[in-house]
Amino acid sequence: MTKDKLTKKDVELIRDDFFSNIKSKTSKEIKKMKKLANSKKVCLKHQKRLFCLECFEPFRGEEKVRISKGFKVITCSCGKVKRMKLVVSC
């Protein structure tokens, strides 16, 4: 299917399959997926936590990670700092 023929449901399925094994993806592939999702107004919600929004490199566990005051702080190799609120479940 071409990009014009894809429906929103198709893009959601492609997105879920793509992010299931993100550690093997390149920054160029992630950038293309983000562009495709945005073109069909598909939200990336929790998938945004899996890669750096500055350089589009997936987080592989080599980054500096700190937990402070209810936030998880990840410092990417490009220098971008990403802060995510920790969710406490009972």
C-alpha atoms as a PDB file:
ATOM      1  CA  MET A   1       0.000   0.000   0.000  1.00  0.00           C
ATOM      2  CA  THR A   2       1.116   3.492  -0.658  1.00  0.00           C
ATOM      3  CA  LYS A   3       1.142   6.208   1.959  1.00  0.00           C
ATOM      4  CA  ASP A   4      -2.008   7.810   0.507  1.00  0.00           C
ATOM      5  CA  LYS A   5      -3.985   4.543   0.636  1.00  0.00           C
ATOM      6  CA  LEU A   6      -3.237   3.792   4.305  1.00  0.00           C
ATOM      7  CA  THR A   7      -6.032   4.333   6.786  1.00  0.00           C
ATOM      8  CA  LYS A   8      -5.640   5.447  10.385  1.00  0.00           C
ATOM      9  CA  LYS A   9      -6.215   1.852  11.595  1.00  0.00           C
ATOM     10  CA  ASP A  10      -3.494   0.573   9.234  1.00  0.00           C
ATOM     11  CA  VAL A  11      -1.020   3.123  10.551  1.00  0.00           C
ATOM     12  CA  GLU A  12      -1.871   2.188  14.158  1.00  0.00           C
ATOM     13  CA  LEU A  13      -1.124  -1.485  13.393  1.00  0.00           C
ATOM     14  CA  ILE A  14       2.136  -0.547  11.651  1.00  0.00           C
ATOM     15  CA  ARG A  15       3.069   1.659  14.629  1.00  0.00           C
ATOM     16  CA  ASP A  16       2.456  -1.108  17.178  1.00  0.00           C
ATOM     17  CA  ASP A  17       4.472  -3.615  15.143  1.00  0.00           C
ATOM     18  CA  PHE A  18       7.296  -1.113  14.594  1.00  0.00           C
ATOM     19  CA  PHE A  19       7.717  -0.192  18.258  1.00  0.00           C
ATOM     20  CA  SER A  20       7.584  -3.809  19.481  1.00  0.00           C
ATOM     21  CA  ASN A  21      11.289  -4.204  18.591  1.00  0.00           C
ATOM     22  CA  ILE A  22      12.585  -0.631  18.639  1.00  0.00           C
ATOM     23  CA  LYS A  23      16.106  -1.433  19.862  1.00  0.00           C
ATOM     24  CA  SER A  24      17.037  -2.803  16.446  1.00  0.00           C
ATOM     25  CA  LYS A  25      15.848   0.317  14.575  1.00  0.00           C
ATOM     26  CA  THR A  26      17.917   3.231  13.297  1.00  0.00           C
ATOM     27  CA  SER A  27      17.209   6.905  13.850  1.00  0.00           C
ATOM     28  CA  LYS A  28      16.255   7.289  10.183  1.00  0.00           C
ATOM     29  CA  GLU A  29      13.574   4.563  10.487  1.00  0.00           C
ATOM     30  CA  ILE A  30      12.174   6.130  13.664  1.00  0.00           C
ATOM     31  CA  LYS A  31      11.995   9.526  11.979  1.00  0.00           C
ATOM     32  CA  LYS A  32      10.050   8.009   9.046  1.00  0.00           C
ATOM     33  CA  MET A  33       7.630   6.258  11.405  1.00  0.00           C
ATOM     34  CA  LYS A  34       7.007   9.464  13.347  1.00  0.00           C
ATOM     35  CA  LYS A  35       6.364  11.338  10.095  1.00  0.00           C
ATOM     36  CA  LEU A  36       3.918   8.645   8.908  1.00  0.00           C
ATOM     37  CA  ALA A  37       2.053   8.668  12.244  1.00  0.00           C
ATOM     38  CA  ASN A  38       1.795  12.459  12.230  1.00  0.00           C
ATOM     39  CA  SER A  39       0.489  12.484   8.648  1.00  0.00           C
ATOM     40  CA  LYS A  40      -2.506  10.347   9.670  1.00  0.00           C
ATOM     41  CA  LYS A  41      -2.926  12.018  13.105  1.00  0.00           C
ATOM     42  CA  VAL A  42      -1.963   8.868  15.003  1.00  0.00           C
ATOM     43  CA  CYS A  43      -0.731   9.565  18.529  1.00  0.00           C
ATOM     44  CA  LEU A  44       2.586   8.060  19.690  1.00  0.00           C
ATOM     45  CA  LYS A  45       1.663   8.368  23.421  1.00  0.00           C
ATOM     46  CA  HIS A  46       3.894   5.912  25.292  1.00  0.00           C
ATOM     47  CA  GLN A  47       6.134   5.197  22.301  1.00  0.00           C
ATOM     48  CA  LYS A  48       7.730   8.637  22.736  1.00  0.00           C
ATOM     49  CA  ARG A  49       9.387   7.274  25.884  1.00  0.00           C
ATOM     50  CA  LEU A  50      11.351   4.751  23.811  1.00  0.00           C
ATOM     51  CA  PHE A  51      13.517   7.177  21.815  1.00  0.00           C
ATOM     52  CA  CYS A  52      15.167  10.601  21.992  1.00  0.00           C
ATOM     53  CA  LEU A  53      13.004  13.309  20.411  1.00  0.00           C
ATOM     54  CA  GLU A  54      16.107  15.315  19.435  1.00  0.00           C
ATOM     55  CA  CYS A  55      18.269  12.758  17.579  1.00  0.00           C
ATOM     56  CA  PHE A  56      15.657   9.946  17.177  1.00  0.00           C
ATOM     57  CA  GLU A  57      18.049   7.315  18.588  1.00  0.00           C
ATOM     58  CA  PRO A  58      16.266   4.523  20.487  1.00  0.00           C
ATOM     59  CA  PHE A  59      17.105   4.180  24.171  1.00  0.00           C
ATOM     60  CA  ARG A  60      19.200   1.007  24.386  1.00  0.00           C
ATOM     61  CA  GLY A  61      20.249   1.203  28.039  1.00  0.00           C
ATOM     62  CA  GLU A  62      23.557   2.985  27.408  1.00  0.00           C
ATOM     63  CA  GLU A  63      22.179   6.366  28.468  1.00  0.00           C
ATOM     64  CA  LYS A  64      22.592   7.983  31.853  1.00  0.00           C
ATOM     65  CA  VAL A  65      19.449   7.302  33.915  1.00  0.00           C
ATOM     66  CA  ARG A  66      18.590   8.929  37.255  1.00  0.00           C
ATOM     67  CA  ILE A  67      15.499   8.733  39.436  1.00  0.00           C
ATOM     68  CA  SER A  68      14.809  11.866  41.450  1.00  0.00           C
ATOM     69  CA  LYS A  69      11.718  13.328  43.117  1.00  0.00           C
ATOM     70  CA  GLY A  70       9.238  11.144  41.264  1.00  0.00           C
ATOM     71  CA  PHE A  71      10.830  11.648  37.846  1.00  0.00           C
ATOM     72  CA  LYS A  72      12.945   9.370  35.675  1.00  0.00           C
ATOM     73  CA  VAL A  73      15.609  11.525  34.019  1.00  0.00           C
ATOM     74  CA  ILE A  74      17.349  10.141  30.918  1.00  0.00           C
ATOM     75  CA  THR A  75      20.348  11.926  29.407  1.00  0.00           C
ATOM     76  CA  CYS A  76      20.877  10.888  25.777  1.00  0.00           C
ATOM     77  CA  SER A  77      24.281  10.696  24.100  1.00  0.00           C
ATOM     78  CA  CYS A  78      23.346  13.827  22.108  1.00  0.00           C
ATOM     79  CA  GLY A  79      23.003  15.762  25.378  1.00  0.00           C
ATOM     80  CA  LYS A  80      19.203  16.033  25.422  1.00  0.00           C
ATOM     81  CA  VAL A  81      17.642  15.515  28.863  1.00  0.00           C
ATOM     82  CA  LYS A  82      14.263  13.768  28.987  1.00  0.00           C
ATOM     83  CA  ARG A  83      12.168  13.844  32.155  1.00  0.00           C
ATOM     84  CA  MET A  84       9.320  11.394  32.617  1.00  0.00           C
ATOM     85  CA  LYS A  85       6.970  11.236  35.569  1.00  0.00           C
ATOM     86  CA  LEU A  86       7.053   7.879  37.330  1.00  0.00           C
ATOM     87  CA  VAL A  87       3.687   6.184  37.666  1.00  0.00           C
ATOM     88  CA  VAL A  88       3.159   4.415  40.971  1.00  0.00           C
ATOM     89  CA  SER A  89       0.811   1.441  40.791  1.00  0.00           C
ATOM     90  CA  CYS A  90      -0.558  -0.485  43.733  1.00  0.00           C
END
